[in-house]
Protein backbone atom coordinates (compact mmCIF):
# COMPACT_ATOMS: atom_id res chain seq x y z
CA MET A 1 -3.97 -9.68 2.12
CA LYS A 2 -4.46 -6.45 4.08
CA GLN A 3 -2.27 -7.75 6.72
CA LEU A 4 0.40 -8.64 4.36
CA LEU A 5 0.89 -5.35 2.59
CA GLU A 6 0.75 -3.74 5.65
CA LEU A 7 3.49 -6.17 6.94
CA LEU A 8 5.81 -5.56 3.63
CA GLY A 9 5.11 -1.67 3.93
CA PHE A 10 6.33 -1.85 7.65
CA VAL A 11 9.42 -3.79 6.75
CA ALA A 12 10.10 -1.60 3.59
CA LEU A 13 9.86 1.72 5.96
CA VAL A 14 11.74 0.07 8.32
CA GLN A 15 14.74 -1.22 5.84
CA GLY A 16 14.59 2.76 4.21
CA GLY A 17 14.80 4.29 7.38
CA MET A 18 17.76 2.11 8.32
CA GLY A 19 19.59 2.63 5.28
CA LEU A 20 19.23 6.24 5.81
CA LEU A 21 20.54 6.11 9.29
CA HIS A 22 23.61 4.07 7.87
CA GLU A 23 24.30 6.95 5.47
CA PHE A 24 24.04 9.78 7.79
CA THR A 25 25.41 8.16 10.83
CA ASP A 26 27.53 5.42 9.36
CA TRP A 27 26.09 3.01 12.22
CA HIS A 28 26.21 -0.27 10.25
CA VAL A 29 22.56 -1.23 10.28
CA GLY A 30 19.91 -2.51 7.77
CA LEU A 31 20.55 -4.29 4.63
CA VAL A 32 20.42 -1.54 1.94
CA GLN A 33 24.49 -0.96 2.12
CA ARG A 34 25.09 -4.81 2.10
CA ILE A 35 23.76 -5.13 -1.18
CA GLY A 36 26.77 -4.81 -3.81
CA LEU A 37 24.69 -3.58 -6.81
CA LEU A 38 23.42 -0.27 -4.62
CA ASP A 39 27.10 0.77 -4.27
CA GLY A 40 27.00 4.42 -4.50
CA TYR A 41 23.26 4.35 -4.79
CA GLU A 42 22.42 3.85 -1.07
CA VAL A 43 20.54 6.64 -0.49
CA TYR A 44 18.52 6.86 -3.58
CA ALA A 45 17.45 2.90 -2.88
CA SER A 46 16.22 3.51 0.56
CA VAL A 47 13.95 7.01 -0.30
CA ALA A 48 12.44 4.59 -3.37
CA LEU A 49 12.08 1.86 -0.22
CA ILE A 50 10.25 4.59 1.89
CA ALA A 51 8.20 5.61 -0.80
CA LEU A 52 7.42 1.96 -1.69
CA ALA A 53 6.60 1.77 2.09
CA PHE A 54 3.80 4.39 1.75
CA ALA A 55 2.67 3.05 -1.40
CA LEU A 56 2.01 -0.15 0.45
CA PHE A 57 0.35 1.37 2.85
CA ALA A 58 -1.91 3.23 0.56
CA ALA A 59 -2.77 -0.18 -1.17
CA ALA A 60 -3.63 -1.79 2.18
CA GLU A 61 -5.91 1.16 2.96
CA SER A 62 -7.74 0.66 -0.28
CA ARG A 63 -8.07 -2.71 0.66
CA ARG A 64 -11.34 -4.20 2.04
CA SER A 65 -10.57 -5.62 5.44
CA GLY A 66 -12.41 -8.99 4.64
């Protein structure tokens, strides 16, 4: 379970970072800008993904490694 939380946290962190990279450099990377529901809110969604990643990392650390 700990490894799954870490994997999900890593994916959320990478996607959030790529979403911010897309917004500030106009590179076409990441999945956040491809979701039509988030039009106009890509920066907020990317920051939320990064916050979610840190929460997942914290949850993974609080788990026992057994």
